[in-house]
Amino acid sequence: MYRYMMKELMLIIAGLTVCAVLFLLVLSQGAAASL
């Protein structure tokens, strides 16, 4: 059970990290396009 929870937590953290990186990339692209 504990190991399963750790695996789920890692997946959630990885997903949030990917979303944050994509969000920052989109923001930087939008800022560059508006300049």
PDB file of N, CA and C in Angstrom:
ATOM      1  N   MET A   1       0.846  -1.200   0.000  1.00  0.00           N
ATOM      2  CA  MET A   1       0.000   0.000   0.000  1.00  0.00           C
ATOM      3  C   MET A   1       0.877   1.245   0.000  1.00  0.00           C
ATOM      4  N   TYR A   2       1.866   1.270   0.895  1.00  0.00           N
ATOM      5  CA  TYR A   2       2.733   2.446   0.999  1.00  0.00           C
ATOM      6  C   TYR A   2       3.499   2.668  -0.301  1.00  0.00           C
ATOM      7  N   ARG A   3       3.990   1.578  -0.873  1.00  0.00           N
ATOM      8  CA  ARG A   3       4.748   1.690  -2.122  1.00  0.00           C
ATOM      9  C   ARG A   3       3.847   2.216  -3.241  1.00  0.00           C
ATOM     10  N   TYR A   4       2.606   1.741  -3.268  1.00  0.00           N
ATOM     11  CA  TYR A   4       1.659   2.194  -4.280  1.00  0.00           C
ATOM     12  C   TYR A   4       1.402   3.699  -4.140  1.00  0.00           C
ATOM     13  N   MET A   5       1.274   4.159  -2.897  1.00  0.00           N
ATOM     14  CA  MET A   5       1.046   5.585  -2.653  1.00  0.00           C
ATOM     15  C   MET A   5       2.234   6.410  -3.132  1.00  0.00           C
ATOM     16  N   MET A   6       3.447   5.932  -2.871  1.00  0.00           N
ATOM     17  CA  MET A   6       4.642   6.656  -3.307  1.00  0.00           C
ATOM     18  C   MET A   6       4.672   6.746  -4.828  1.00  0.00           C
ATOM     19  N   LYS A   7       4.282   5.655  -5.501  1.00  0.00           N
ATOM     20  CA  LYS A   7       4.260   5.644  -6.959  1.00  0.00           C
ATOM     21  C   LYS A   7       3.252   6.670  -7.477  1.00  0.00           C
ATOM     22  N   GLU A   8       2.084   6.701  -6.875  1.00  0.00           N
ATOM     23  CA  GLU A   8       1.058   7.671  -7.265  1.00  0.00           C
ATOM     24  C   GLU A   8       1.560   9.096  -7.051  1.00  0.00           C
ATOM     25  N   LEU A   9       2.216   9.325  -5.912  1.00  0.00           N
ATOM     26  CA  LEU A   9       2.728  10.658  -5.598  1.00  0.00           C
ATOM     27  C   LEU A   9       3.767  11.083  -6.628  1.00  0.00           C
ATOM     28  N   MET A  10       4.641  10.161  -7.012  1.00  0.00           N
ATOM     29  CA  MET A  10       5.663  10.473  -8.016  1.00  0.00           C
ATOM     30  C   MET A  10       5.013  10.829  -9.346  1.00  0.00           C
ATOM     31  N   LEU A  11       3.969  10.079  -9.728  1.00  0.00           N
ATOM     32  CA  LEU A  11       3.282  10.358 -10.990  1.00  0.00           C
ATOM     33  C   LEU A  11       2.624  11.731 -10.947  1.00  0.00           C
ATOM     34  N   ILE A  12       2.002  12.065  -9.825  1.00  0.00           N
ATOM     35  CA  ILE A  12       1.343  13.368  -9.688  1.00  0.00           C
ATOM     36  C   ILE A  12       2.369  14.490  -9.775  1.00  0.00           C
ATOM     37  N   ILE A  13       3.494  14.335  -9.067  1.00  0.00           N
ATOM     38  CA  ILE A  13       4.538  15.366  -9.087  1.00  0.00           C
ATOM     39  C   ILE A  13       5.099  15.516 -10.500  1.00  0.00           C
ATOM     40  N   ALA A  14       5.337  14.390 -11.174  1.00  0.00           N
ATOM     41  CA  ALA A  14       5.870  14.437 -12.540  1.00  0.00           C
ATOM     42  C   ALA A  14       4.879  15.145 -13.467  1.00  0.00           C
ATOM     43  N   GLY A  15       3.601  14.833 -13.322  1.00  0.00           N
ATOM     44  CA  GLY A  15       2.588  15.467 -14.161  1.00  0.00           C
ATOM     45  C   GLY A  15       2.516  16.968 -13.924  1.00  0.00           C
ATOM     46  N   LEU A  16       2.557  17.382 -12.662  1.00  0.00           N
ATOM     47  CA  LEU A  16       2.513  18.808 -12.336  1.00  0.00           C
ATOM     48  C   LEU A  16       3.745  19.521 -12.872  1.00  0.00           C
ATOM     49  N   THR A  17       4.905  18.871 -12.787  1.00  0.00           N
ATOM     50  CA  THR A  17       6.143  19.474 -13.286  1.00  0.00           C
ATOM     51  C   THR A  17       6.053  19.682 -14.793  1.00  0.00           C
ATOM     52  N   VAL A  18       5.568  18.668 -15.510  1.00  0.00           N
ATOM     53  CA  VAL A  18       5.426  18.782 -16.966  1.00  0.00           C
ATOM     54  C   VAL A  18       4.457  19.908 -17.314  1.00  0.00           C
ATOM     55  N   CYS A  19       3.339  19.990 -16.596  1.00  0.00           N
ATOM     56  CA  CYS A  19       2.360  21.055 -16.848  1.00  0.00           C
ATOM     57  C   CYS A  19       2.984  22.423 -16.602  1.00  0.00           C
ATOM     58  N   ALA A  20       3.753  22.562 -15.529  1.00  0.00           N
ATOM     59  CA  ALA A  20       4.385  23.840 -15.207  1.00  0.00           C
ATOM     60  C   ALA A  20       5.383  24.234 -16.290  1.00  0.00           C
ATOM     61  N   VAL A  21       6.179  23.282 -16.759  1.00  0.00           N
ATOM     62  CA  VAL A  21       7.169  23.577 -17.804  1.00  0.00           C
ATOM     63  C   VAL A  21       6.466  23.991 -19.095  1.00  0.00           C
ATOM     64  N   LEU A  22       5.413  23.270 -19.477  1.00  0.00           N
ATOM     65  CA  LEU A  22       4.671  23.619 -20.688  1.00  0.00           C
ATOM     66  C   LEU A  22       4.048  25.007 -20.546  1.00  0.00           C
ATOM     67  N   PHE A  23       3.504  25.313 -19.367  1.00  0.00           N
ATOM     68  CA  PHE A  23       2.899  26.615 -19.112  1.00  0.00           C
ATOM     69  C   PHE A  23       3.929  27.727 -19.273  1.00  0.00           C
ATOM     70  N   LEU A  24       5.127  27.524 -18.713  1.00  0.00           N
ATOM     71  CA  LEU A  24       6.191  28.527 -18.825  1.00  0.00           C
ATOM     72  C   LEU A  24       6.621  28.684 -20.278  1.00  0.00           C
ATOM     73  N   LEU A  25       6.703  27.586 -21.015  1.00  0.00           N
ATOM     74  CA  LEU A  25       7.086  27.659 -22.431  1.00  0.00           C
ATOM     75  C   LEU A  25       6.048  28.458 -23.213  1.00  0.00           C
ATOM     76  N   VAL A  26       4.775  28.198 -22.957  1.00  0.00           N
ATOM     77  CA  VAL A  26       3.706  28.929 -23.653  1.00  0.00           C
ATOM     78  C   VAL A  26       3.771  30.413 -23.308  1.00  0.00           C
ATOM     79  N   LEU A  27       4.010  30.730 -22.033  1.00  0.00           N
ATOM     80  CA  LEU A  27       4.110  32.134 -21.622  1.00  0.00           C
ATOM     81  C   LEU A  27       5.281  32.819 -22.316  1.00  0.00           C
ATOM     82  N   SER A  28       6.433  32.150 -22.364  1.00  0.00           N
ATOM     83  CA  SER A  28       7.614  32.746 -22.993  1.00  0.00           C
ATOM     84  C   SER A  28       7.371  32.930 -24.492  1.00  0.00           C
ATOM     85  N   GLN A  29       6.712  31.975 -25.124  1.00  0.00           N
ATOM     86  CA  GLN A  29       6.407  32.093 -26.554  1.00  0.00           C
ATOM     87  C   GLN A  29       5.445  33.262 -26.792  1.00  0.00           C
ATOM     88  N   GLY A  30       4.439  33.382 -25.935  1.00  0.00           N
ATOM     89  CA  GLY A  30       3.473  34.475 -26.069  1.00  0.00           C
ATOM     90  C   GLY A  30       4.136  35.822 -25.858  1.00  0.00           C
ATOM     91  N   ALA A  31       5.030  35.916 -24.883  1.00  0.00           N
ATOM     92  CA  ALA A  31       5.726  37.171 -24.610  1.00  0.00           C
ATOM     93  C   ALA A  31       6.625  37.539 -25.787  1.00  0.00           C
ATOM     94  N   ALA A  32       7.301  36.549 -26.355  1.00  0.00           N
ATOM     95  CA  ALA A  32       8.193  36.809 -27.489  1.00  0.00           C
ATOM     96  C   ALA A  32       7.374  37.246 -28.704  1.00  0.00           C
ATOM     97  N   ALA A  33       6.201  36.663 -28.896  1.00  0.00           N
ATOM     98  CA  ALA A  33       5.370  37.002 -30.047  1.00  0.00           C
ATOM     99  C   ALA A  33       4.784  38.407 -29.907  1.00  0.00           C
ATOM    100  N   SER A  34       4.498  38.842 -28.689  1.00  0.00           N
ATOM    101  CA  SER A  34       3.882  40.153 -28.483  1.00  0.00           C
ATOM    102  C   SER A  34       4.898  41.287 -28.564  1.00  0.00           C
ATOM    103  N   LEU A  35       6.189  40.963 -28.475  1.00  0.00           N
ATOM    104  CA  LEU A  35       7.203  42.020 -28.537  1.00  0.00           C
ATOM    105  C   LEU A  35       7.436  42.471 -29.978  1.00  0.00           C
TER     106      LEU A  35
END
